[in-house]
Amino acid sequence: MLKFPFEINDISDALNRTLLDYFKGERDGFVQVGPSKYFFPKQFKKNAESYYNFQARPSDIWVSTFPRSGTTWTQELVWLIGNNLDFERAKNELLTSRFPFFEFNTFMHPQVKQELLQANKYDEEHQNFIHRISQSIIPYLDGMSEQRFIKTHLPLSLMPPSVFQENSKIIYVARNPKDVALSYYHLNRLYKTQGYIGEFEFYWRIFKTGLNAWLPYWDHLEEAWGRRTDPNILFIFYEEMNNDIRKTINRISSFMGRSYSKEQVEQLAEHLNIKSFKCNNSVNGLEMRKVKILNEREGDFIRNGIINGSDYELTPELQKEMNKWISENLEKSGIIFPDF
């Protein structure tokens, strides 16, 4: 077994107390991992080695993103391309089963799990679902005989080395950080496993300084951007997908060694239309809402999907600050976002 190669350090007690006051889904505290100080709940310590030693296969397809970068949309697109546009199965089988989330168990604190089990104490099916998603997905993946489709938010440096040794395919999606930050704020309020209770202004300070799960944002993107010419990596922008989904379908199909007719591409594009996508119960998080993992007082898991949607919710002062931060980091990183 490989030793996990990066240091995992607890954050300071004072900072830990502050963050625990705002993030009610974590109870023990947080750690920072490696030279980039990637941010995780403390449970990452006990899971890091098993993640790192996961045995990938050449046929695996990974969708890797920073959260709220069009992940679910891309998963559905990729799974259908890889499964001969089997819309019937996609309709009847949850995306969370078809395309498992690699590291989700790190974010289900045992106390939160018990609270959810108690909230679902009269429904055995719901309790079984909670038990299942709280466990490591690795034994399930190891036991699969069919092609595996895997979702992760881990940066490339924390992914299992076998992914690169076996040349598994990785589709990495990047999105404008202003839209990501606002959407991620809403997700942190929505999911009880995060349980954020503050306002956006404070959350923005957390996001900017890398103090929420999977941050820092720029390090995450720069790792993938630096390897975008690797033959097993397809780097795409959410803005490109949003602007021309048909072109994106063809690009991903080619990367996956598939080819579909113009009519089939049109059918898939219609399936992915945001209006129908939001109502698709196999992808829209309904199963999470049923078991009370989602906060009833918050909005939908799938939001509006528009570009520059953050402009409608932010004050001019905050927009100016965010734009300055983005501009400075784009200049340093060399990443070029599409301007649609």
C-alpha atoms as a PDB file:
ATOM      1  CA  MET A   1       0.000   0.000   0.000  1.00  0.00           C
ATOM      2  CA  LEU A   2       1.275   3.451  -0.929  1.00  0.00           C
ATOM      3  CA  LYS A   3       1.812   5.958   1.839  1.00  0.00           C
ATOM      4  CA  PHE A   4      -0.180   9.147   1.395  1.00  0.00           C
ATOM      5  CA  PRO A   5       2.568  11.587   0.356  1.00  0.00           C
ATOM      6  CA  PHE A   6       1.273  14.912   1.692  1.00  0.00           C
ATOM      7  CA  GLU A   7       1.168  16.429   5.157  1.00  0.00           C
ATOM      8  CA  ILE A   8      -2.273  16.797   6.718  1.00  0.00           C
ATOM      9  CA  ASN A   9      -2.336  19.578   9.308  1.00  0.00           C
ATOM     10  CA  ASP A  10      -5.060  20.736  11.668  1.00  0.00           C
ATOM     11  CA  ILE A  11      -5.975  24.395  11.367  1.00  0.00           C
ATOM     12  CA  SER A  12      -5.530  26.639  14.416  1.00  0.00           C
ATOM     13  CA  ASP A  13      -7.938  26.257  17.332  1.00  0.00           C
ATOM     14  CA  ALA A  14      -9.181  29.842  17.020  1.00  0.00           C
ATOM     15  CA  LEU A  15      -9.929  29.515  13.306  1.00  0.00           C
ATOM     16  CA  ASN A  16     -11.461  26.108  13.876  1.00  0.00           C
ATOM     17  CA  ARG A  17     -13.883  27.505  16.471  1.00  0.00           C
ATOM     18  CA  THR A  18     -14.904  30.337  14.151  1.00  0.00           C
ATOM     19  CA  LEU A  19     -15.592  28.024  11.221  1.00  0.00           C
ATOM     20  CA  LEU A  20     -17.487  25.507  13.358  1.00  0.00           C
ATOM     21  CA  ASP A  21     -19.779  28.353  14.409  1.00  0.00           C
ATOM     22  CA  TYR A  22     -20.727  28.828  10.750  1.00  0.00           C
ATOM     23  CA  PHE A  23     -20.525  25.278   9.364  1.00  0.00           C
ATOM     24  CA  LYS A  24     -22.894  23.170  11.455  1.00  0.00           C
ATOM     25  CA  GLY A  25     -22.403  20.041   9.347  1.00  0.00           C
ATOM     26  CA  GLU A  26     -18.916  19.523  10.757  1.00  0.00           C
ATOM     27  CA  ARG A  27     -18.401  18.843  14.463  1.00  0.00           C
ATOM     28  CA  ASP A  28     -14.692  18.104  14.947  1.00  0.00           C
ATOM     29  CA  GLY A  29     -12.913  20.596  12.750  1.00  0.00           C
ATOM     30  CA  PHE A  30     -10.876  20.967   9.615  1.00  0.00           C
ATOM     31  CA  VAL A  31      -7.501  20.159   8.087  1.00  0.00           C
ATOM     32  CA  GLN A  32      -5.326  21.466   5.282  1.00  0.00           C
ATOM     33  CA  VAL A  33      -3.566  19.073   2.942  1.00  0.00           C
ATOM     34  CA  GLY A  34      -0.289  19.365   1.064  1.00  0.00           C
ATOM     35  CA  PRO A  35       1.581  22.466  -0.107  1.00  0.00           C
ATOM     36  CA  SER A  36      -1.587  24.037  -1.536  1.00  0.00           C
ATOM     37  CA  LYS A  37      -3.367  23.531   1.814  1.00  0.00           C
ATOM     38  CA  TYR A  38      -6.447  21.924   0.293  1.00  0.00           C
ATOM     39  CA  PHE A  39      -9.230  22.201   2.848  1.00  0.00           C
ATOM     40  CA  PHE A  40     -11.240  19.248   4.217  1.00  0.00           C
ATOM     41  CA  PRO A  41     -13.112  18.050   7.308  1.00  0.00           C
ATOM     42  CA  LYS A  42     -10.916  16.123   9.761  1.00  0.00           C
ATOM     43  CA  GLN A  43     -12.341  12.840   8.509  1.00  0.00           C
ATOM     44  CA  PHE A  44     -10.100  13.251   5.469  1.00  0.00           C
ATOM     45  CA  LYS A  45      -7.215  12.082   7.670  1.00  0.00           C
ATOM     46  CA  LYS A  46      -8.578   8.564   8.001  1.00  0.00           C
ATOM     47  CA  ASN A  47      -9.712   8.324   4.356  1.00  0.00           C
ATOM     48  CA  ALA A  48      -6.736   9.867   2.540  1.00  0.00           C
ATOM     49  CA  GLU A  49      -4.703   6.663   2.228  1.00  0.00           C
ATOM     50  CA  SER A  50      -7.613   4.566   0.939  1.00  0.00           C
ATOM     51  CA  TYR A  51      -8.441   7.228  -1.648  1.00  0.00           C
ATOM     52  CA  TYR A  52      -4.811   7.397  -2.731  1.00  0.00           C
ATOM     53  CA  ASN A  53      -4.539   3.614  -3.087  1.00  0.00           C
ATOM     54  CA  PHE A  54      -7.725   3.126  -5.077  1.00  0.00           C
ATOM     55  CA  GLN A  55      -7.033   0.975  -8.128  1.00  0.00           C
ATOM     56  CA  ALA A  56      -8.203   2.691 -11.289  1.00  0.00           C
ATOM     57  CA  ARG A  57      -8.866   0.925 -14.590  1.00  0.00           C
ATOM     58  CA  PRO A  58      -8.059   2.073 -18.137  1.00  0.00           C
ATOM     59  CA  SER A  59     -11.796   2.100 -18.926  1.00  0.00           C
ATOM     60  CA  ASP A  60     -12.713   4.416 -16.039  1.00  0.00           C
ATOM     61  CA  ILE A  61     -14.206   7.819 -16.843  1.00  0.00           C
ATOM     62  CA  TRP A  62     -13.783  10.522 -14.191  1.00  0.00           C
ATOM     63  CA  VAL A  63     -15.577  13.850 -14.088  1.00  0.00           C
ATOM     64  CA  SER A  64     -13.390  16.145 -12.016  1.00  0.00           C
ATOM     65  CA  THR A  65     -14.419  19.679 -11.090  1.00  0.00           C
ATOM     66  CA  PHE A  66     -14.255  22.278  -8.415  1.00  0.00           C
ATOM     67  CA  PRO A  67     -17.775  22.210  -6.875  1.00  0.00           C
ATOM     68  CA  ARG A  68     -20.575  24.047  -8.693  1.00  0.00           C
ATOM     69  CA  SER A  69     -18.806  24.106 -12.040  1.00  0.00           C
ATOM     70  CA  GLY A  70     -21.479  22.215 -13.949  1.00  0.00           C
ATOM     71  CA  THR A  71     -20.593  18.860 -12.403  1.00  0.00           C
ATOM     72  CA  THR A  72     -24.034  17.215 -12.449  1.00  0.00           C
ATOM     73  CA  TRP A  73     -24.772  18.464 -15.954  1.00  0.00           C
ATOM     74  CA  THR A  74     -21.448  17.046 -17.182  1.00  0.00           C
ATOM     75  CA  GLN A  75     -21.992  13.734 -15.392  1.00  0.00           C
ATOM     76  CA  GLU A  76     -25.319  13.153 -17.109  1.00  0.00           C
ATOM     77  CA  LEU A  77     -23.860  14.146 -20.477  1.00  0.00           C
ATOM     78  CA  VAL A  78     -20.821  11.876 -20.056  1.00  0.00           C
ATOM     79  CA  TRP A  79     -22.788   8.894 -18.760  1.00  0.00           C
ATOM     80  CA  LEU A  80     -25.226   9.012 -21.668  1.00  0.00           C
ATOM     81  CA  ILE A  81     -22.407   9.314 -24.205  1.00  0.00           C
ATOM     82  CA  GLY A  82     -20.714   6.314 -22.605  1.00  0.00           C
ATOM     83  CA  ASN A  83     -23.925   4.265 -22.462  1.00  0.00           C
ATOM     84  CA  ASN A  84     -25.249   4.574 -26.004  1.00  0.00           C
ATOM     85  CA  LEU A  85     -27.747   7.292 -25.080  1.00  0.00           C
ATOM     86  CA  ASP A  86     -29.712   4.946 -22.818  1.00  0.00           C
ATOM     87  CA  PHE A  87     -32.276   7.588 -21.797  1.00  0.00           C
ATOM     88  CA  GLU A  88     -34.573   4.983 -20.288  1.00  0.00           C
ATOM     89  CA  ARG A  89     -31.984   3.750 -17.809  1.00  0.00           C
ATOM     90  CA  ALA A  90     -30.879   7.312 -17.094  1.00  0.00           C
ATOM     91  CA  LYS A  91     -34.468   8.201 -16.278  1.00  0.00           C
ATOM     92  CA  ASN A  92     -35.003   5.276 -13.923  1.00  0.00           C
ATOM     93  CA  GLU A  93     -31.637   4.992 -12.165  1.00  0.00           C
ATOM     94  CA  LEU A  94     -30.288   7.751  -9.944  1.00  0.00           C
ATOM     95  CA  LEU A  95     -27.217   9.581 -11.191  1.00  0.00           C
ATOM     96  CA  THR A  96     -25.687   9.074  -7.727  1.00  0.00           C
ATOM     97  CA  SER A  97     -25.771   5.304  -8.438  1.00  0.00           C
ATOM     98  CA  ARG A  98     -24.691   5.510 -12.067  1.00  0.00           C
ATOM     99  CA  PHE A  99     -21.909   8.000 -11.343  1.00  0.00           C
ATOM    100  CA  PRO A 100     -20.770   7.635  -7.688  1.00  0.00           C
ATOM    101  CA  PHE A 101     -19.174  10.502  -5.763  1.00  0.00           C
ATOM    102  CA  PHE A 102     -15.695   9.265  -4.833  1.00  0.00           C
ATOM    103  CA  GLU A 103     -15.021  11.133  -1.559  1.00  0.00           C
ATOM    104  CA  PHE A 104     -18.515  11.936  -0.264  1.00  0.00           C
ATOM    105  CA  ASN A 105     -18.108   9.822   2.896  1.00  0.00           C
ATOM    106  CA  THR A 106     -15.509  12.302   4.191  1.00  0.00           C
ATOM    107  CA  PHE A 107     -18.294  14.889   4.454  1.00  0.00           C
ATOM    108  CA  MET A 108     -20.793  12.805   6.408  1.00  0.00           C
ATOM    109  CA  HIS A 109     -19.860  13.394  10.038  1.00  0.00           C
ATOM    110  CA  PRO A 110     -20.963  10.486  12.300  1.00  0.00           C
ATOM    111  CA  GLN A 111     -23.070  12.794  14.476  1.00  0.00           C
ATOM    112  CA  VAL A 112     -24.845  14.270  11.463  1.00  0.00           C
ATOM    113  CA  LYS A 113     -25.434  10.756  10.174  1.00  0.00           C
ATOM    114  CA  GLN A 114     -27.088   9.793  13.466  1.00  0.00           C
ATOM    115  CA  GLU A 115     -29.266  12.908  13.343  1.00  0.00           C
ATOM    116  CA  LEU A 116     -30.372  12.023   9.817  1.00  0.00           C
ATOM    117  CA  LEU A 117     -31.082   8.429  10.837  1.00  0.00           C
ATOM    118  CA  GLN A 118     -33.204   9.721  13.699  1.00  0.00           C
ATOM    119  CA  ALA A 119     -35.061  12.085  11.369  1.00  0.00           C
ATOM    120  CA  ASN A 120     -35.841   9.074   9.148  1.00  0.00           C
ATOM    121  CA  LYS A 121     -36.460   6.566  11.946  1.00  0.00           C
ATOM    122  CA  TYR A 122     -39.808   5.452  10.550  1.00  0.00           C
ATOM    123  CA  ASP A 123     -38.524   4.782   7.039  1.00  0.00           C
ATOM    124  CA  GLU A 124     -36.169   1.811   6.652  1.00  0.00           C
ATOM    125  CA  GLU A 125     -35.511   2.548   2.981  1.00  0.00           C
ATOM    126  CA  HIS A 126     -34.395   6.082   3.814  1.00  0.00           C
ATOM    127  CA  GLN A 127     -32.163   4.827   6.616  1.00  0.00           C
ATOM    128  CA  ASN A 128     -30.535   2.293   4.300  1.00  0.00           C
ATOM    129  CA  PHE A 129     -29.836   5.078   1.821  1.00  0.00           C
ATOM    130  CA  ILE A 130     -28.150   7.156   4.545  1.00  0.00           C
ATOM    131  CA  HIS A 131     -26.023   4.186   5.633  1.00  0.00           C
ATOM    132  CA  ARG A 132     -24.999   3.546   2.036  1.00  0.00           C
ATOM    133  CA  ILE A 133     -23.863   7.064   1.174  1.00  0.00           C
ATOM    134  CA  SER A 134     -22.018   7.399   4.496  1.00  0.00           C
ATOM    135  CA  GLN A 135     -19.690   4.534   3.640  1.00  0.00           C
ATOM    136  CA  SER A 136     -16.642   4.515   1.416  1.00  0.00           C
ATOM    137  CA  ILE A 137     -17.659   3.989  -2.204  1.00  0.00           C
ATOM    138  CA  ILE A 138     -14.422   2.120  -2.948  1.00  0.00           C
ATOM    139  CA  PRO A 139     -15.670  -1.442  -2.193  1.00  0.00           C
ATOM    140  CA  TYR A 140     -18.669  -0.792  -4.458  1.00  0.00           C
ATOM    141  CA  LEU A 141     -16.409   0.457  -7.259  1.00  0.00           C
ATOM    142  CA  ASP A 142     -13.995  -2.447  -6.784  1.00  0.00           C
ATOM    143  CA  GLY A 143     -16.865  -4.876  -7.222  1.00  0.00           C
ATOM    144  CA  MET A 144     -18.194  -3.370 -10.442  1.00  0.00           C
ATOM    145  CA  SER A 145     -17.738  -5.380 -13.631  1.00  0.00           C
ATOM    146  CA  GLU A 146     -19.145  -2.767 -16.022  1.00  0.00           C
ATOM    147  CA  GLN A 147     -17.408   0.437 -17.046  1.00  0.00           C
ATOM    148  CA  ARG A 148     -17.093   2.816 -14.095  1.00  0.00           C
ATOM    149  CA  PHE A 149     -18.083   6.486 -14.128  1.00  0.00           C
ATOM    150  CA  ILE A 150     -16.725   8.379 -11.114  1.00  0.00           C
ATOM    151  CA  LYS A 151     -17.296  11.921  -9.864  1.00  0.00           C
ATOM    152  CA  THR A 152     -14.703  13.738  -7.779  1.00  0.00           C
ATOM    153  CA  HIS A 153     -13.895  17.245  -6.598  1.00  0.00           C
ATOM    154  CA  LEU A 154     -10.373  16.228  -5.590  1.00  0.00           C
ATOM    155  CA  PRO A 155      -7.622  18.219  -7.292  1.00  0.00           C
ATOM    156  CA  LEU A 156      -5.477  16.127  -9.632  1.00  0.00           C
ATOM    157  CA  SER A 157      -2.633  15.916  -7.096  1.00  0.00           C
ATOM    158  CA  LEU A 158      -4.879  14.176  -4.558  1.00  0.00           C
ATOM    159  CA  MET A 159      -6.447  11.736  -6.995  1.00  0.00           C
ATOM    160  CA  PRO A 160      -5.214   8.111  -6.949  1.00  0.00           C
ATOM    161  CA  PRO A 161      -1.927   7.794  -8.865  1.00  0.00           C
ATOM    162  CA  SER A 162      -3.349   4.715 -10.588  1.00  0.00           C
ATOM    163  CA  VAL A 163      -5.716   7.024 -12.524  1.00  0.00           C
ATOM    164  CA  PHE A 164      -2.688   8.376 -14.393  1.00  0.00           C
ATOM    165  CA  GLN A 165      -0.781   5.090 -14.478  1.00  0.00           C
ATOM    166  CA  GLU A 166      -3.758   3.371 -16.126  1.00  0.00           C
ATOM    167  CA  ASN A 167      -4.567   6.368 -18.358  1.00  0.00           C
ATOM    168  CA  SER A 168      -8.137   6.568 -17.138  1.00  0.00           C
ATOM    169  CA  LYS A 169      -9.971   9.398 -18.861  1.00  0.00           C
ATOM    170  CA  ILE A 170     -10.556  12.619 -16.900  1.00  0.00           C
ATOM    171  CA  ILE A 171     -12.993  15.314 -18.011  1.00  0.00           C
ATOM    172  CA  TYR A 172     -12.215  18.455 -16.033  1.00  0.00           C
ATOM    173  CA  VAL A 173     -14.698  21.339 -16.069  1.00  0.00           C
ATOM    174  CA  ALA A 174     -13.797  24.868 -14.964  1.00  0.00           C
ATOM    175  CA  ARG A 175     -16.218  27.728 -14.360  1.00  0.00           C
ATOM    176  CA  ASN A 176     -15.957  31.471 -13.749  1.00  0.00           C
ATOM    177  CA  PRO A 177     -15.064  31.797 -10.037  1.00  0.00           C
ATOM    178  CA  LYS A 178     -17.619  34.537  -9.392  1.00  0.00           C
ATOM    179  CA  ASP A 179     -20.467  32.239 -10.413  1.00  0.00           C
ATOM    180  CA  VAL A 180     -18.817  29.325  -8.604  1.00  0.00           C
ATOM    181  CA  ALA A 181     -18.468  31.236  -5.333  1.00  0.00           C
ATOM    182  CA  LEU A 182     -22.113  32.296  -5.202  1.00  0.00           C
ATOM    183  CA  SER A 183     -23.442  28.900  -6.273  1.00  0.00           C
ATOM    184  CA  TYR A 184     -21.164  27.152  -3.768  1.00  0.00           C
ATOM    185  CA  TYR A 185     -22.422  29.469  -1.033  1.00  0.00           C
ATOM    186  CA  HIS A 186     -25.982  28.365  -1.772  1.00  0.00           C
ATOM    187  CA  LEU A 187     -24.902  24.711  -1.812  1.00  0.00           C
ATOM    188  CA  ASN A 188     -23.216  25.071   1.571  1.00  0.00           C
ATOM    189  CA  ARG A 189     -26.478  26.433   2.949  1.00  0.00           C
ATOM    190  CA  LEU A 190     -28.506  23.714   1.235  1.00  0.00           C
ATOM    191  CA  TYR A 191     -26.594  20.620   2.368  1.00  0.00           C
ATOM    192  CA  LYS A 192     -26.801  19.783   6.073  1.00  0.00           C
ATOM    193  CA  THR A 193     -23.472  17.987   5.708  1.00  0.00           C
ATOM    194  CA  GLN A 194     -22.003  21.495   5.289  1.00  0.00           C
ATOM    195  CA  GLY A 195     -24.659  23.436   7.183  1.00  0.00           C
ATOM    196  CA  TYR A 196     -23.414  26.953   6.529  1.00  0.00           C
ATOM    197  CA  ILE A 197     -25.558  29.523   8.384  1.00  0.00           C
ATOM    198  CA  GLY A 198     -23.883  32.825   7.509  1.00  0.00           C
ATOM    199  CA  GLU A 199     -24.430  35.377   4.772  1.00  0.00           C
ATOM    200  CA  PHE A 200     -22.592  35.598   1.468  1.00  0.00           C
ATOM    201  CA  GLU A 201     -20.291  38.469   2.446  1.00  0.00           C
ATOM    202  CA  PHE A 202     -18.648  36.341   5.157  1.00  0.00           C
ATOM    203  CA  TYR A 203     -18.669  33.265   2.953  1.00  0.00           C
ATOM    204  CA  TRP A 204     -16.822  35.210   0.263  1.00  0.00           C
ATOM    205  CA  ARG A 205     -13.982  35.897   2.726  1.00  0.00           C
ATOM    206  CA  ILE A 206     -13.828  32.143   3.411  1.00  0.00           C
ATOM    207  CA  PHE A 207     -13.847  31.300  -0.286  1.00  0.00           C
ATOM    208  CA  LYS A 208     -11.209  33.881  -1.152  1.00  0.00           C
ATOM    209  CA  THR A 209      -8.824  32.627   1.545  1.00  0.00           C
ATOM    210  CA  GLY A 210      -9.312  28.916   0.850  1.00  0.00           C
ATOM    211  CA  LEU A 211     -11.213  27.945   4.001  1.00  0.00           C
ATOM    212  CA  ASN A 212     -13.977  25.745   2.628  1.00  0.00           C
ATOM    213  CA  ALA A 213     -13.963  22.224   1.239  1.00  0.00           C
ATOM    214  CA  TRP A 214     -11.765  21.571  -1.824  1.00  0.00           C
ATOM    215  CA  LEU A 215     -10.415  25.123  -1.836  1.00  0.00           C
ATOM    216  CA  PRO A 216      -8.167  26.911  -2.779  1.00  0.00           C
ATOM    217  CA  TYR A 217      -9.926  27.480  -6.076  1.00  0.00           C
ATOM    218  CA  TRP A 218      -6.994  28.713  -8.176  1.00  0.00           C
ATOM    219  CA  ASP A 219      -4.639  25.908  -7.175  1.00  0.00           C
ATOM    220  CA  HIS A 220      -7.348  23.396  -8.078  1.00  0.00           C
ATOM    221  CA  LEU A 221      -7.780  24.882 -11.557  1.00  0.00           C
ATOM    222  CA  GLU A 222      -4.106  25.495 -12.201  1.00  0.00           C
ATOM    223  CA  GLU A 223      -3.270  21.834 -11.601  1.00  0.00           C
ATOM    224  CA  ALA A 224      -5.702  20.771 -14.327  1.00  0.00           C
ATOM    225  CA  TRP A 225      -4.850  23.675 -16.648  1.00  0.00           C
ATOM    226  CA  GLY A 226      -1.178  22.692 -16.455  1.00  0.00           C
ATOM    227  CA  ARG A 227      -2.024  19.168 -17.642  1.00  0.00           C
ATOM    228  CA  ARG A 228      -4.672  20.086 -20.200  1.00  0.00           C
ATOM    229  CA  THR A 229      -2.592  18.672 -23.064  1.00  0.00           C
ATOM    230  CA  ASP A 230      -2.226  15.234 -21.431  1.00  0.00           C
ATOM    231  CA  PRO A 231      -3.887  12.691 -23.733  1.00  0.00           C
ATOM    232  CA  ASN A 232      -6.111  11.313 -20.952  1.00  0.00           C
ATOM    233  CA  ILE A 233      -7.395  14.756 -19.826  1.00  0.00           C
ATOM    234  CA  LEU A 234     -10.056  16.883 -21.505  1.00  0.00           C
ATOM    235  CA  PHE A 235     -10.182  20.398 -20.042  1.00  0.00           C
ATOM    236  CA  ILE A 236     -13.382  22.287 -20.827  1.00  0.00           C
ATOM    237  CA  PHE A 237     -15.049  25.439 -19.595  1.00  0.00           C
ATOM    238  CA  TYR A 238     -18.597  25.511 -18.315  1.00  0.00           C
ATOM    239  CA  GLU A 239     -19.120  28.687 -20.314  1.00  0.00           C
ATOM    240  CA  GLU A 240     -18.294  26.787 -23.508  1.00  0.00           C
ATOM    241  CA  MET A 241     -20.820  24.109 -22.601  1.00  0.00           C
ATOM    242  CA  ASN A 242     -23.470  26.679 -21.857  1.00  0.00           C
ATOM    243  CA  ASN A 243     -22.821  28.605 -25.036  1.00  0.00           C
ATOM    244  CA  ASP A 244     -22.819  25.587 -27.377  1.00  0.00           C
ATOM    245  CA  ILE A 245     -23.853  22.302 -25.773  1.00  0.00           C
ATOM    246  CA  ARG A 246     -23.929  20.492 -29.137  1.00  0.00           C
ATOM    247  CA  LYS A 247     -20.302  21.329 -29.828  1.00  0.00           C
ATOM    248  CA  THR A 248     -19.429  20.134 -26.318  1.00  0.00           C
ATOM    249  CA  ILE A 249     -21.331  16.867 -26.850  1.00  0.00           C
ATOM    250  CA  ASN A 250     -19.306  16.204 -29.993  1.00  0.00           C
ATOM    251  CA  ARG A 251     -16.046  17.148 -28.318  1.00  0.00           C
ATOM    252  CA  ILE A 252     -16.621  14.842 -25.327  1.00  0.00           C
ATOM    253  CA  SER A 253     -17.901  12.059 -27.596  1.00  0.00           C
ATOM    254  CA  SER A 254     -14.689  12.225 -29.636  1.00  0.00           C
ATOM    255  CA  PHE A 255     -12.579  12.181 -26.457  1.00  0.00           C
ATOM    256  CA  MET A 256     -14.460   9.079 -25.281  1.00  0.00           C
ATOM    257  CA  GLY A 257     -14.140   7.339 -28.640  1.00  0.00           C
ATOM    258  CA  ARG A 258     -17.840   7.629 -29.465  1.00  0.00           C
ATOM    259  CA  SER A 259     -19.736   9.088 -32.387  1.00  0.00           C
ATOM    260  CA  TYR A 260     -23.380  10.088 -32.673  1.00  0.00           C
ATOM    261  CA  SER A 261     -25.535  11.383 -35.478  1.00  0.00           C
ATOM    262  CA  LYS A 262     -26.774  14.964 -35.684  1.00  0.00           C
ATOM    263  CA  GLU A 263     -30.231  13.763 -34.638  1.00  0.00           C
ATOM    264  CA  GLN A 264     -28.838  11.911 -31.622  1.00  0.00           C
ATOM    265  CA  VAL A 265     -26.795  14.935 -30.577  1.00  0.00           C
ATOM    266  CA  GLU A 266     -29.952  17.037 -30.811  1.00  0.00           C
ATOM    267  CA  GLN A 267     -31.834  14.531 -28.652  1.00  0.00           C
ATOM    268  CA  LEU A 268     -29.114  14.634 -25.997  1.00  0.00           C
ATOM    269  CA  ALA A 269     -28.985  18.439 -26.100  1.00  0.00           C
ATOM    270  CA  GLU A 270     -32.732  18.576 -25.507  1.00  0.00           C
ATOM    271  CA  HIS A 271     -32.412  16.126 -22.605  1.00  0.00           C
ATOM    272  CA  LEU A 272     -29.800  18.440 -21.051  1.00  0.00           C
ATOM    273  CA  ASN A 273     -31.873  21.612 -21.443  1.00  0.00           C
ATOM    274  CA  ILE A 274     -31.775  23.313 -18.049  1.00  0.00           C
ATOM    275  CA  LYS A 275     -35.555  23.645 -17.809  1.00  0.00           C
ATOM    276  CA  SER A 276     -36.155  19.914 -18.169  1.00  0.00           C
ATOM    277  CA  PHE A 277     -32.938  19.034 -16.319  1.00  0.00           C
ATOM    278  CA  LYS A 278     -34.142  20.794 -13.160  1.00  0.00           C
ATOM    279  CA  CYS A 279     -37.282  18.623 -13.229  1.00  0.00           C
ATOM    280  CA  ASN A 280     -35.432  15.351 -13.831  1.00  0.00           C
ATOM    281  CA  ASN A 281     -35.700  13.457 -10.538  1.00  0.00           C
ATOM    282  CA  SER A 282     -32.811  11.148 -11.372  1.00  0.00           C
ATOM    283  CA  VAL A 283     -30.362  14.082 -11.293  1.00  0.00           C
ATOM    284  CA  ASN A 284     -31.897  16.934  -9.282  1.00  0.00           C
ATOM    285  CA  GLY A 285     -31.152  15.676  -5.766  1.00  0.00           C
ATOM    286  CA  LEU A 286     -34.694  14.573  -4.921  1.00  0.00           C
ATOM    287  CA  GLU A 287     -33.368  11.505  -3.088  1.00  0.00           C
ATOM    288  CA  MET A 288     -31.275  13.780  -0.855  1.00  0.00           C
ATOM    289  CA  ARG A 289     -34.270  15.966  -0.125  1.00  0.00           C
ATOM    290  CA  LYS A 290     -36.416  12.956   0.769  1.00  0.00           C
ATOM    291  CA  VAL A 291     -33.977  11.829   3.471  1.00  0.00           C
ATOM    292  CA  LYS A 292     -33.610  15.401   4.778  1.00  0.00           C
ATOM    293  CA  ILE A 293     -29.957  15.883   3.829  1.00  0.00           C
ATOM    294  CA  LEU A 294     -31.073  19.050   2.053  1.00  0.00           C
ATOM    295  CA  ASN A 295     -32.287  22.012   4.074  1.00  0.00           C
ATOM    296  CA  GLU A 296     -35.961  22.617   3.304  1.00  0.00           C
ATOM    297  CA  ARG A 297     -35.575  26.373   3.779  1.00  0.00           C
ATOM    298  CA  GLU A 298     -33.056  26.662   0.942  1.00  0.00           C
ATOM    299  CA  GLY A 299     -33.409  26.542  -2.840  1.00  0.00           C
ATOM    300  CA  ASP A 300     -32.989  23.754  -5.363  1.00  0.00           C
ATOM    301  CA  PHE A 301     -29.880  21.634  -5.864  1.00  0.00           C
ATOM    302  CA  ILE A 302     -29.866  22.549  -9.555  1.00  0.00           C
ATOM    303  CA  ARG A 303     -30.081  26.310  -9.847  1.00  0.00           C
ATOM    304  CA  ASN A 304     -30.456  28.462 -12.990  1.00  0.00           C
ATOM    305  CA  GLY A 305     -27.251  27.433 -14.786  1.00  0.00           C
ATOM    306  CA  ILE A 306     -26.719  30.841 -16.381  1.00  0.00           C
ATOM    307  CA  ILE A 307     -23.428  32.621 -17.024  1.00  0.00           C
ATOM    308  CA  ASN A 308     -22.711  35.680 -14.864  1.00  0.00           C
ATOM    309  CA  GLY A 309     -25.761  34.842 -12.766  1.00  0.00           C
ATOM    310  CA  SER A 310     -23.900  36.129  -9.737  1.00  0.00           C
ATOM    311  CA  ASP A 311     -24.287  39.704 -11.009  1.00  0.00           C
ATOM    312  CA  TYR A 312     -27.950  39.664 -10.023  1.00  0.00           C
ATOM    313  CA  GLU A 313     -27.243  38.878  -6.360  1.00  0.00           C
ATOM    314  CA  LEU A 314     -24.137  40.897  -5.567  1.00  0.00           C
ATOM    315  CA  THR A 315     -23.677  44.512  -4.610  1.00  0.00           C
ATOM    316  CA  PRO A 316     -21.565  46.654  -6.967  1.00  0.00           C
ATOM    317  CA  GLU A 317     -18.907  46.938  -4.250  1.00  0.00           C
ATOM    318  CA  LEU A 318     -18.641  43.173  -3.867  1.00  0.00           C
ATOM    319  CA  GLN A 319     -18.596  42.660  -7.633  1.00  0.00           C
ATOM    320  CA  LYS A 320     -15.724  45.122  -7.908  1.00  0.00           C
ATOM    321  CA  GLU A 321     -13.764  43.306  -5.197  1.00  0.00           C
ATOM    322  CA  MET A 322     -14.377  39.910  -6.776  1.00  0.00           C
ATOM    323  CA  ASN A 323     -13.465  41.118 -10.257  1.00  0.00           C
ATOM    324  CA  LYS A 324     -10.172  42.520  -8.953  1.00  0.00           C
ATOM    325  CA  TRP A 325      -9.358  39.212  -7.216  1.00  0.00           C
ATOM    326  CA  ILE A 326     -10.190  37.252 -10.370  1.00  0.00           C
ATOM    327  CA  SER A 327      -8.190  39.560 -12.629  1.00  0.00           C
ATOM    328  CA  GLU A 328      -5.093  39.349 -10.414  1.00  0.00           C
ATOM    329  CA  ASN A 329      -5.225  35.555 -10.269  1.00  0.00           C
ATOM    330  CA  LEU A 330      -5.890  35.130 -13.976  1.00  0.00           C
ATOM    331  CA  GLU A 331      -2.813  37.177 -14.703  1.00  0.00           C
ATOM    332  CA  LYS A 332      -0.705  35.006 -12.386  1.00  0.00           C
ATOM    333  CA  SER A 333      -2.123  31.686 -13.556  1.00  0.00           C
ATOM    334  CA  GLY A 334      -2.277  32.249 -17.297  1.00  0.00           C
ATOM    335  CA  ILE A 335      -5.735  30.633 -17.415  1.00  0.00           C
ATOM    336  CA  ILE A 336      -7.920  32.152 -20.119  1.00  0.00           C
ATOM    337  CA  PHE A 337     -11.652  32.009 -19.469  1.00  0.00           C
ATOM    338  CA  PRO A 338     -13.983  32.260 -22.473  1.00  0.00           C
ATOM    339  CA  ASP A 339     -15.645  35.656 -22.710  1.00  0.00           C
ATOM    340  CA  PHE A 340     -19.268  34.997 -23.605  1.00  0.00           C
END
